[in-house]
Amino acid sequence: MEYQQEGQSVGGAWIIEVAGMKNRFPWYNHSFPGLDELYVPKEGIPPKSFEDYEHDLLDDAWDRLLINMRTNWFEYIDDLEWEKESKNRQDMG
């Protein structure tokens, strides 16, 4: 697991290589989608950023990570941005 800032999106990305797989988990909106949700959420706070999680991993974090290693997180973030822009256009018009 290596954090890279240079050559990545704003906020950098975690590069993880495990179980014969390699993937990049980019920063998005004060979060690292695919990684943050491996941690226990803080009680009473709907998680929106990495600060909303405890430092403890969920019991099934390993299984979740292996699933998340198969996701293209850059496409996921592009989809989030498209949905946000679409909602903004609907709200404005």
PDB file of N, CA and C in Angstrom:
ATOM      1  N   MET A   1       0.868  -1.170   0.000  1.00  0.00           N
ATOM      2  CA  MET A   1       0.000   0.000   0.000  1.00  0.00           C
ATOM      3  C   MET A   1       0.905   1.220   0.000  1.00  0.00           C
ATOM      4  N   GLU A   2       0.702   2.100  -0.986  1.00  0.00           N
ATOM      5  CA  GLU A   2       1.541   3.282  -1.131  1.00  0.00           C
ATOM      6  C   GLU A   2       0.673   4.481  -1.501  1.00  0.00           C
ATOM      7  N   TYR A   3       0.920   5.590  -0.849  1.00  0.00           N
ATOM      8  CA  TYR A   3       0.207   6.822  -1.164  1.00  0.00           C
ATOM      9  C   TYR A   3       1.016   7.605  -2.191  1.00  0.00           C
ATOM     10  N   GLN A   4       0.365   8.064  -3.250  1.00  0.00           N
ATOM     11  CA  GLN A   4       1.020   8.880  -4.272  1.00  0.00           C
ATOM     12  C   GLN A   4       0.237  10.158  -4.488  1.00  0.00           C
ATOM     13  N   GLN A   5       0.935  11.255  -4.479  1.00  0.00           N
ATOM     14  CA  GLN A   5       0.322  12.546  -4.768  1.00  0.00           C
ATOM     15  C   GLN A   5       0.613  12.944  -6.217  1.00  0.00           C
ATOM     16  N   GLU A   6       1.871  12.863  -6.598  1.00  0.00           N
ATOM     17  CA  GLU A   6       2.286  13.300  -7.924  1.00  0.00           C
ATOM     18  C   GLU A   6       1.697  12.404  -9.007  1.00  0.00           C
ATOM     19  N   GLY A   7       1.148  13.041 -10.038  1.00  0.00           N
ATOM     20  CA  GLY A   7       0.583  12.300 -11.149  1.00  0.00           C
ATOM     21  C   GLY A   7      -0.790  11.732 -10.882  1.00  0.00           C
ATOM     22  N   GLN A   8      -1.386  12.050  -9.747  1.00  0.00           N
ATOM     23  CA  GLN A   8      -2.718  11.556  -9.403  1.00  0.00           C
ATOM     24  C   GLN A   8      -3.694  12.725  -9.381  1.00  0.00           C
ATOM     25  N   SER A   9      -4.951  12.416  -9.128  1.00  0.00           N
ATOM     26  CA  SER A   9      -5.956  13.470  -9.026  1.00  0.00           C
ATOM     27  C   SER A   9      -5.667  14.334  -7.806  1.00  0.00           C
ATOM     28  N   VAL A  10      -6.372  15.457  -7.705  1.00  0.00           N
ATOM     29  CA  VAL A  10      -6.242  16.312  -6.529  1.00  0.00           C
ATOM     30  C   VAL A  10      -6.491  15.453  -5.296  1.00  0.00           C
ATOM     31  N   GLY A  11      -5.629  15.551  -4.320  1.00  0.00           N
ATOM     32  CA  GLY A  11      -5.775  14.757  -3.110  1.00  0.00           C
ATOM     33  C   GLY A  11      -5.009  13.449  -3.140  1.00  0.00           C
ATOM     34  N   GLY A  12      -4.478  13.076  -4.303  1.00  0.00           N
ATOM     35  CA  GLY A  12      -3.672  11.871  -4.410  1.00  0.00           C
ATOM     36  C   GLY A  12      -4.491  10.599  -4.491  1.00  0.00           C
ATOM     37  N   ALA A  13      -3.795   9.483  -4.378  1.00  0.00           N
ATOM     38  CA  ALA A  13      -4.445   8.172  -4.456  1.00  0.00           C
ATOM     39  C   ALA A  13      -3.616   7.157  -3.684  1.00  0.00           C
ATOM     40  N   TRP A  14      -4.299   6.185  -3.127  1.00  0.00           N
ATOM     41  CA  TRP A  14      -3.633   5.035  -2.529  1.00  0.00           C
ATOM     42  C   TRP A  14      -3.506   3.967  -3.606  1.00  0.00           C
ATOM     43  N   ILE A  15      -2.306   3.437  -3.771  1.00  0.00           N
ATOM     44  CA  ILE A  15      -2.048   2.352  -4.704  1.00  0.00           C
ATOM     45  C   ILE A  15      -1.893   1.087  -3.855  1.00  0.00           C
ATOM     46  N   ILE A  16      -2.733   0.101  -4.130  1.00  0.00           N
ATOM     47  CA  ILE A  16      -2.713  -1.127  -3.333  1.00  0.00           C
ATOM     48  C   ILE A  16      -2.478  -2.314  -4.264  1.00  0.00           C
ATOM     49  N   GLU A  17      -1.571  -3.165  -3.850  1.00  0.00           N
ATOM     50  CA  GLU A  17      -1.308  -4.410  -4.557  1.00  0.00           C
ATOM     51  C   GLU A  17      -1.446  -5.542  -3.549  1.00  0.00           C
ATOM     52  N   VAL A  18      -2.418  -6.433  -3.798  1.00  0.00           N
ATOM     53  CA  VAL A  18      -2.699  -7.522  -2.863  1.00  0.00           C
ATOM     54  C   VAL A  18      -3.374  -8.665  -3.625  1.00  0.00           C
ATOM     55  N   ALA A  19      -3.077  -9.874  -3.247  1.00  0.00           N
ATOM     56  CA  ALA A  19      -3.718 -11.072  -3.811  1.00  0.00           C
ATOM     57  C   ALA A  19      -3.651 -11.089  -5.336  1.00  0.00           C
ATOM     58  N   GLY A  20      -2.523 -10.658  -5.882  1.00  0.00           N
ATOM     59  CA  GLY A  20      -2.340 -10.663  -7.332  1.00  0.00           C
ATOM     60  C   GLY A  20      -3.085  -9.557  -8.063  1.00  0.00           C
ATOM     61  N   MET A  21      -3.660  -8.640  -7.334  1.00  0.00           N
ATOM     62  CA  MET A  21      -4.396  -7.530  -7.946  1.00  0.00           C
ATOM     63  C   MET A  21      -3.726  -6.218  -7.560  1.00  0.00           C
ATOM     64  N   LYS A  22      -3.892  -5.219  -8.424  1.00  0.00           N
ATOM     65  CA  LYS A  22      -3.379  -3.876  -8.145  1.00  0.00           C
ATOM     66  C   LYS A  22      -4.460  -2.879  -8.536  1.00  0.00           C
ATOM     67  N   ASN A  23      -4.654  -1.882  -7.684  1.00  0.00           N
ATOM     68  CA  ASN A  23      -5.693  -0.887  -7.965  1.00  0.00           C
ATOM     69  C   ASN A  23      -5.300   0.444  -7.335  1.00  0.00           C
ATOM     70  N   ARG A  24      -5.901   1.522  -7.883  1.00  0.00           N
ATOM     71  CA  ARG A  24      -5.715   2.869  -7.344  1.00  0.00           C
ATOM     72  C   ARG A  24      -7.041   3.329  -6.741  1.00  0.00           C
ATOM     73  N   PHE A  25      -6.944   3.911  -5.561  1.00  0.00           N
ATOM     74  CA  PHE A  25      -8.101   4.427  -4.844  1.00  0.00           C
ATOM     75  C   PHE A  25      -7.912   5.932  -4.687  1.00  0.00           C
ATOM     76  N   PRO A  26      -8.500   6.733  -5.590  1.00  0.00           N
ATOM     77  CA  PRO A  26      -8.276   8.184  -5.554  1.00  0.00           C
ATOM     78  C   PRO A  26      -9.100   8.890  -4.481  1.00  0.00           C
ATOM     79  N   TRP A  27      -8.586  10.034  -4.078  1.00  0.00           N
ATOM     80  CA  TRP A  27      -9.273  10.919  -3.149  1.00  0.00           C
ATOM     81  C   TRP A  27     -10.457  11.550  -3.860  1.00  0.00           C
ATOM     82  N   TYR A  28     -11.572  11.694  -3.151  1.00  0.00           N
ATOM     83  CA  TYR A  28     -12.738  12.386  -3.703  1.00  0.00           C
ATOM     84  C   TYR A  28     -13.531  12.993  -2.560  1.00  0.00           C
ATOM     85  N   ASN A  29     -13.638  14.306  -2.564  1.00  0.00           N
ATOM     86  CA  ASN A  29     -14.519  14.994  -1.621  1.00  0.00           C
ATOM     87  C   ASN A  29     -14.239  14.594  -0.163  1.00  0.00           C
ATOM     88  N   HIS A  30     -12.989  14.680   0.245  1.00  0.00           N
ATOM     89  CA  HIS A  30     -12.549  14.374   1.614  1.00  0.00           C
ATOM     90  C   HIS A  30     -12.735  12.901   1.979  1.00  0.00           C
ATOM     91  N   SER A  31     -12.605  12.038   0.982  1.00  0.00           N
ATOM     92  CA  SER A  31     -12.816  10.621   1.201  1.00  0.00           C
ATOM     93  C   SER A  31     -11.959   9.812   0.230  1.00  0.00           C
ATOM     94  N   PHE A  32     -11.740   8.569   0.569  1.00  0.00           N
ATOM     95  CA  PHE A  32     -11.117   7.609  -0.328  1.00  0.00           C
ATOM     96  C   PHE A  32     -12.123   6.483  -0.546  1.00  0.00           C
ATOM     97  N   PRO A  33     -13.018   6.647  -1.557  1.00  0.00           N
ATOM     98  CA  PRO A  33     -14.016   5.607  -1.815  1.00  0.00           C
ATOM     99  C   PRO A  33     -13.344   4.249  -2.024  1.00  0.00           C
ATOM    100  N   GLY A  34     -13.942   3.239  -1.449  1.00  0.00           N
ATOM    101  CA  GLY A  34     -13.407   1.897  -1.543  1.00  0.00           C
ATOM    102  C   GLY A  34     -12.497   1.535  -0.388  1.00  0.00           C
ATOM    103  N   LEU A  35     -11.999   2.540   0.318  1.00  0.00           N
ATOM    104  CA  LEU A  35     -11.127   2.289   1.475  1.00  0.00           C
ATOM    105  C   LEU A  35     -11.772   2.746   2.775  1.00  0.00           C
ATOM    106  N   ASP A  36     -12.336   3.947   2.779  1.00  0.00           N
ATOM    107  CA  ASP A  36     -12.906   4.475   4.021  1.00  0.00           C
ATOM    108  C   ASP A  36     -13.950   3.541   4.613  1.00  0.00           C
ATOM    109  N   GLU A  37     -14.771   2.943   3.740  1.00  0.00           N
ATOM    110  CA  GLU A  37     -15.849   2.100   4.256  1.00  0.00           C
ATOM    111  C   GLU A  37     -15.355   0.757   4.805  1.00  0.00           C
ATOM    112  N   LEU A  38     -14.047   0.538   4.803  1.00  0.00           N
ATOM    113  CA  LEU A  38     -13.489  -0.652   5.451  1.00  0.00           C
ATOM    114  C   LEU A  38     -13.369  -0.450   6.959  1.00  0.00           C
ATOM    115  N   TYR A  39     -13.563   0.778   7.398  1.00  0.00           N
ATOM    116  CA  TYR A  39     -13.423   1.136   8.815  1.00  0.00           C
ATOM    117  C   TYR A  39     -14.777   1.258   9.495  1.00  0.00           C
ATOM    118  N   VAL A  40     -14.774   1.152  10.786  1.00  0.00           N
ATOM    119  CA  VAL A  40     -15.987   1.283  11.591  1.00  0.00           C
ATOM    120  C   VAL A  40     -16.409   2.753  11.583  1.00  0.00           C
ATOM    121  N   PRO A  41     -17.668   3.038  11.187  1.00  0.00           N
ATOM    122  CA  PRO A  41     -18.127   4.428  11.223  1.00  0.00           C
ATOM    123  C   PRO A  41     -18.286   4.918  12.662  1.00  0.00           C
ATOM    124  N   LYS A  42     -18.032   6.200  12.863  1.00  0.00           N
ATOM    125  CA  LYS A  42     -18.241   6.780  14.192  1.00  0.00           C
ATOM    126  C   LYS A  42     -19.732   6.766  14.511  1.00  0.00           C
ATOM    127  N   GLU A  43     -20.033   6.515  15.752  1.00  0.00           N
ATOM    128  CA  GLU A  43     -21.426   6.392  16.187  1.00  0.00           C
ATOM    129  C   GLU A  43     -22.161   7.716  16.031  1.00  0.00           C
ATOM    130  N   GLY A  44     -23.372   7.639  15.460  1.00  0.00           N
ATOM    131  CA  GLY A  44     -24.240   8.802  15.348  1.00  0.00           C
ATOM    132  C   GLY A  44     -23.880   9.767  14.236  1.00  0.00           C
ATOM    133  N   ILE A  45     -22.909   9.409  13.405  1.00  0.00           N
ATOM    134  CA  ILE A  45     -22.501  10.299  12.310  1.00  0.00           C
ATOM    135  C   ILE A  45     -22.647   9.548  10.994  1.00  0.00           C
ATOM    136  N   PRO A  46     -23.498  10.032  10.084  1.00  0.00           N
ATOM    137  CA  PRO A  46     -23.526   9.404   8.755  1.00  0.00           C
ATOM    138  C   PRO A  46     -22.203   9.721   8.046  1.00  0.00           C
ATOM    139  N   PRO A  47     -21.415   8.719   7.698  1.00  0.00           N
ATOM    140  CA  PRO A  47     -20.089   8.975   7.136  1.00  0.00           C
ATOM    141  C   PRO A  47     -20.130   9.710   5.792  1.00  0.00           C
ATOM    142  N   LYS A  48     -19.378  10.803   5.733  1.00  0.00           N
ATOM    143  CA  LYS A  48     -19.261  11.570   4.494  1.00  0.00           C
ATOM    144  C   LYS A  48     -17.799  11.805   4.128  1.00  0.00           C
ATOM    145  N   SER A  49     -16.902  11.650   5.108  1.00  0.00           N
ATOM    146  CA  SER A  49     -15.482  11.830   4.844  1.00  0.00           C
ATOM    147  C   SER A  49     -14.697  10.828   5.681  1.00  0.00           C
ATOM    148  N   PHE A  50     -13.399  10.758   5.412  1.00  0.00           N
ATOM    149  CA  PHE A  50     -12.562   9.813   6.166  1.00  0.00           C
ATOM    150  C   PHE A  50     -12.530  10.141   7.646  1.00  0.00           C
ATOM    151  N   GLU A  51     -12.848  11.364   8.025  1.00  0.00           N
ATOM    152  CA  GLU A  51     -12.852  11.748   9.435  1.00  0.00           C
ATOM    153  C   GLU A  51     -14.050  11.183  10.200  1.00  0.00           C
ATOM    154  N   ASP A  52     -15.014  10.621   9.487  1.00  0.00           N
ATOM    155  CA  ASP A  52     -16.229  10.088  10.105  1.00  0.00           C
ATOM    156  C   ASP A  52     -16.115   8.608  10.455  1.00  0.00           C
ATOM    157  N   TYR A  53     -14.883   8.081  10.430  1.00  0.00           N
ATOM    158  CA  TYR A  53     -14.645   6.669  10.746  1.00  0.00           C
ATOM    159  C   TYR A  53     -13.667   6.541  11.901  1.00  0.00           C
ATOM    160  N   GLU A  54     -13.829   5.475  12.671  1.00  0.00           N
ATOM    161  CA  GLU A  54     -12.873   5.135  13.721  1.00  0.00           C
ATOM    162  C   GLU A  54     -11.600   4.604  13.058  1.00  0.00           C
ATOM    163  N   HIS A  55     -10.597   4.317  13.856  1.00  0.00           N
ATOM    164  CA  HIS A  55      -9.357   3.754  13.330  1.00  0.00           C
ATOM    165  C   HIS A  55      -9.383   2.227  13.318  1.00  0.00           C
ATOM    166  N   ASP A  56     -10.533   1.648  13.624  1.00  0.00           N
ATOM    167  CA  ASP A  56     -10.686   0.195  13.671  1.00  0.00           C
ATOM    168  C   ASP A  56     -11.325  -0.310  12.384  1.00  0.00           C
ATOM    169  N   LEU A  57     -10.795  -1.404  11.860  1.00  0.00           N
ATOM    170  CA  LEU A  57     -11.363  -2.026  10.669  1.00  0.00           C
ATOM    171  C   LEU A  57     -12.612  -2.830  11.009  1.00  0.00           C
ATOM    172  N   LEU A  58     -13.521  -2.931  10.049  1.00  0.00           N
ATOM    173  CA  LEU A  58     -14.679  -3.806  10.195  1.00  0.00           C
ATOM    174  C   LEU A  58     -14.205  -5.259  10.224  1.00  0.00           C
ATOM    175  N   ASP A  59     -15.006  -6.135  10.803  1.00  0.00           N
ATOM    176  CA  ASP A  59     -14.639  -7.553  10.876  1.00  0.00           C
ATOM    177  C   ASP A  59     -14.442  -8.172   9.494  1.00  0.00           C
ATOM    178  N   ASP A  60     -15.198  -7.706   8.501  1.00  0.00           N
ATOM    179  CA  ASP A  60     -15.099  -8.265   7.149  1.00  0.00           C
ATOM    180  C   ASP A  60     -14.323  -7.346   6.194  1.00  0.00           C
ATOM    181  N   ALA A  61     -13.439  -6.523   6.736  1.00  0.00           N
ATOM    182  CA  ALA A  61     -12.695  -5.558   5.919  1.00  0.00           C
ATOM    183  C   ALA A  61     -11.884  -6.245   4.822  1.00  0.00           C
ATOM    184  N   TRP A  62     -11.256  -7.373   5.114  1.00  0.00           N
ATOM    185  CA  TRP A  62     -10.455  -8.077   4.114  1.00  0.00           C
ATOM    186  C   TRP A  62     -11.329  -8.498   2.925  1.00  0.00           C
ATOM    187  N   ASP A  63     -12.485  -9.084   3.192  1.00  0.00           N
ATOM    188  CA  ASP A  63     -13.390  -9.516   2.118  1.00  0.00           C
ATOM    189  C   ASP A  63     -13.862  -8.315   1.302  1.00  0.00           C
ATOM    190  N   ARG A  64     -14.183  -7.228   1.986  1.00  0.00           N
ATOM    191  CA  ARG A  64     -14.621  -6.012   1.289  1.00  0.00           C
ATOM    192  C   ARG A  64     -13.505  -5.443   0.424  1.00  0.00           C
ATOM    193  N   LEU A  65     -12.276  -5.463   0.944  1.00  0.00           N
ATOM    194  CA  LEU A  65     -11.148  -4.955   0.166  1.00  0.00           C
ATOM    195  C   LEU A  65     -10.963  -5.770  -1.114  1.00  0.00           C
ATOM    196  N   LEU A  66     -11.046  -7.083  -1.003  1.00  0.00           N
ATOM    197  CA  LEU A  66     -10.883  -7.921  -2.196  1.00  0.00           C
ATOM    198  C   LEU A  66     -11.953  -7.613  -3.243  1.00  0.00           C
ATOM    199  N   ILE A  67     -13.164  -7.349  -2.808  1.00  0.00           N
ATOM    200  CA  ILE A  67     -14.233  -6.946  -3.741  1.00  0.00           C
ATOM    201  C   ILE A  67     -13.902  -5.579  -4.338  1.00  0.00           C
ATOM    202  N   ASN A  68     -13.472  -4.638  -3.500  1.00  0.00           N
ATOM    203  CA  ASN A  68     -13.175  -3.279  -3.952  1.00  0.00           C
ATOM    204  C   ASN A  68     -11.964  -3.221  -4.883  1.00  0.00           C
ATOM    205  N   MET A  69     -11.105  -4.216  -4.818  1.00  0.00           N
ATOM    206  CA  MET A  69      -9.946  -4.259  -5.711  1.00  0.00           C
ATOM    207  C   MET A  69     -10.370  -4.460  -7.159  1.00  0.00           C
ATOM    208  N   ARG A  70     -11.581  -4.906  -7.386  1.00  0.00           N
ATOM    209  CA  ARG A  70     -12.072  -5.173  -8.745  1.00  0.00           C
ATOM    210  C   ARG A  70     -12.830  -3.981  -9.347  1.00  0.00           C
ATOM    211  N   THR A  71     -12.926  -2.887  -8.606  1.00  0.00           N
ATOM    212  CA  THR A  71     -13.684  -1.716  -9.057  1.00  0.00           C
ATOM    213  C   THR A  71     -12.744  -0.663  -9.620  1.00  0.00           C
ATOM    214  N   ASN A  72     -13.153  -0.030 -10.722  1.00  0.00           N
ATOM    215  CA  ASN A  72     -12.412   1.113 -11.251  1.00  0.00           C
ATOM    216  C   ASN A  72     -12.944   2.345 -10.526  1.00  0.00           C
ATOM    217  N   TRP A  73     -12.202   2.831  -9.538  1.00  0.00           N
ATOM    218  CA  TRP A  73     -12.674   3.918  -8.688  1.00  0.00           C
ATOM    219  C   TRP A  73     -12.668   5.253  -9.414  1.00  0.00           C
ATOM    220  N   PHE A  74     -11.885   5.402 -10.462  1.00  0.00           N
ATOM    221  CA  PHE A  74     -11.930   6.625 -11.253  1.00  0.00           C
ATOM    222  C   PHE A  74     -13.250   6.716 -12.015  1.00  0.00           C
ATOM    223  N   GLU A  75     -13.724   5.587 -12.564  1.00  0.00           N
ATOM    224  CA  GLU A  75     -15.040   5.575 -13.214  1.00  0.00           C
ATOM    225  C   GLU A  75     -16.143   5.835 -12.192  1.00  0.00           C
ATOM    226  N   TYR A  76     -16.017   5.249 -11.019  1.00  0.00           N
ATOM    227  CA  TYR A  76     -17.000   5.447  -9.948  1.00  0.00           C
ATOM    228  C   TYR A  76     -17.114   6.936  -9.613  1.00  0.00           C
ATOM    229  N   ILE A  77     -15.983   7.610  -9.475  1.00  0.00           N
ATOM    230  CA  ILE A  77     -15.973   9.033  -9.144  1.00  0.00           C
ATOM    231  C   ILE A  77     -16.536   9.847 -10.301  1.00  0.00           C
ATOM    232  N   ASP A  78     -16.210   9.478 -11.530  1.00  0.00           N
ATOM    233  CA  ASP A  78     -16.794  10.163 -12.686  1.00  0.00           C
ATOM    234  C   ASP A  78     -18.317  10.061 -12.651  1.00  0.00           C
ATOM    235  N   ASP A  79     -18.839   8.872 -12.301  1.00  0.00           N
ATOM    236  CA  ASP A  79     -20.295   8.686 -12.195  1.00  0.00           C
ATOM    237  C   ASP A  79     -20.884   9.568 -11.099  1.00  0.00           C
ATOM    238  N   LEU A  80     -20.195   9.673  -9.951  1.00  0.00           N
ATOM    239  CA  LEU A  80     -20.670  10.543  -8.872  1.00  0.00           C
ATOM    240  C   LEU A  80     -20.736  11.994  -9.331  1.00  0.00           C
ATOM    241  N   GLU A  81     -19.713  12.431 -10.055  1.00  0.00           N
ATOM    242  CA  GLU A  81     -19.671  13.807 -10.562  1.00  0.00           C
ATOM    243  C   GLU A  81     -20.792  14.042 -11.562  1.00  0.00           C
ATOM    244  N   TRP A  82     -21.040  13.075 -12.438  1.00  0.00           N
ATOM    245  CA  TRP A  82     -22.101  13.213 -13.430  1.00  0.00           C
ATOM    246  C   TRP A  82     -23.455  13.325 -12.733  1.00  0.00           C
ATOM    247  N   GLU A  83     -23.687  12.484 -11.719  1.00  0.00           N
ATOM    248  CA  GLU A  83     -24.946  12.540 -10.967  1.00  0.00           C
ATOM    249  C   GLU A  83     -25.108  13.883 -10.264  1.00  0.00           C
ATOM    250  N   LYS A  84     -24.026  14.393  -9.687  1.00  0.00           N
ATOM    251  CA  LYS A  84     -24.076  15.684  -8.993  1.00  0.00           C
ATOM    252  C   LYS A  84     -24.387  16.810  -9.976  1.00  0.00           C
ATOM    253  N   GLU A  85     -23.732  16.796 -11.138  1.00  0.00           N
ATOM    254  CA  GLU A  85     -23.997  17.827 -12.148  1.00  0.00           C
ATOM    255  C   GLU A  85     -25.420  17.732 -12.672  1.00  0.00           C
ATOM    256  N   SER A  86     -25.913  16.521 -12.881  1.00  0.00           N
ATOM    257  CA  SER A  86     -27.278  16.316 -13.358  1.00  0.00           C
ATOM    258  C   SER A  86     -28.291  16.844 -12.339  1.00  0.00           C
ATOM    259  N   LYS A  87     -28.060  16.555 -11.061  1.00  0.00           N
ATOM    260  CA  LYS A  87     -28.950  17.052 -10.006  1.00  0.00           C
ATOM    261  C   LYS A  87     -28.916  18.572  -9.944  1.00  0.00           C
ATOM    262  N   ASN A  88     -27.733  19.158 -10.071  1.00  0.00           N
ATOM    263  CA  ASN A  88     -27.612  20.621 -10.055  1.00  0.00           C
ATOM    264  C   ASN A  88     -28.382  21.248 -11.207  1.00  0.00           C
ATOM    265  N   ARG A  89     -28.309  20.641 -12.390  1.00  0.00           N
ATOM    266  CA  ARG A  89     -29.050  21.176 -13.539  1.00  0.00           C
ATOM    267  C   ARG A  89     -30.557  21.087 -13.296  1.00  0.00           C
ATOM    268  N   GLN A  90     -31.013  19.977 -12.683  1.00  0.00           N
ATOM    269  CA  GLN A  90     -32.435  19.821 -12.398  1.00  0.00           C
ATOM    270  C   GLN A  90     -32.892  20.848 -11.364  1.00  0.00           C
ATOM    271  N   ASP A  91     -32.067  21.087 -10.348  1.00  0.00           N
ATOM    272  CA  ASP A  91     -32.418  22.043  -9.316  1.00  0.00           C
ATOM    273  C   ASP A  91     -32.478  23.474  -9.857  1.00  0.00           C
ATOM    274  N   MET A  92     -31.674  23.753 -10.869  1.00  0.00           N
ATOM    275  CA  MET A  92     -31.612  25.106 -11.444  1.00  0.00           C
ATOM    276  C   MET A  92     -32.685  25.338 -12.497  1.00  0.00           C
ATOM    277  N   GLY A  93     -33.206  24.256 -13.070  1.00  0.00           N
ATOM    278  CA  GLY A  93     -34.035  24.518 -14.209  1.00  0.00           C
ATOM    279  C   GLY A  93     -35.370  24.008 -14.204  1.00  0.00           C
TER     280      GLY A  93
END
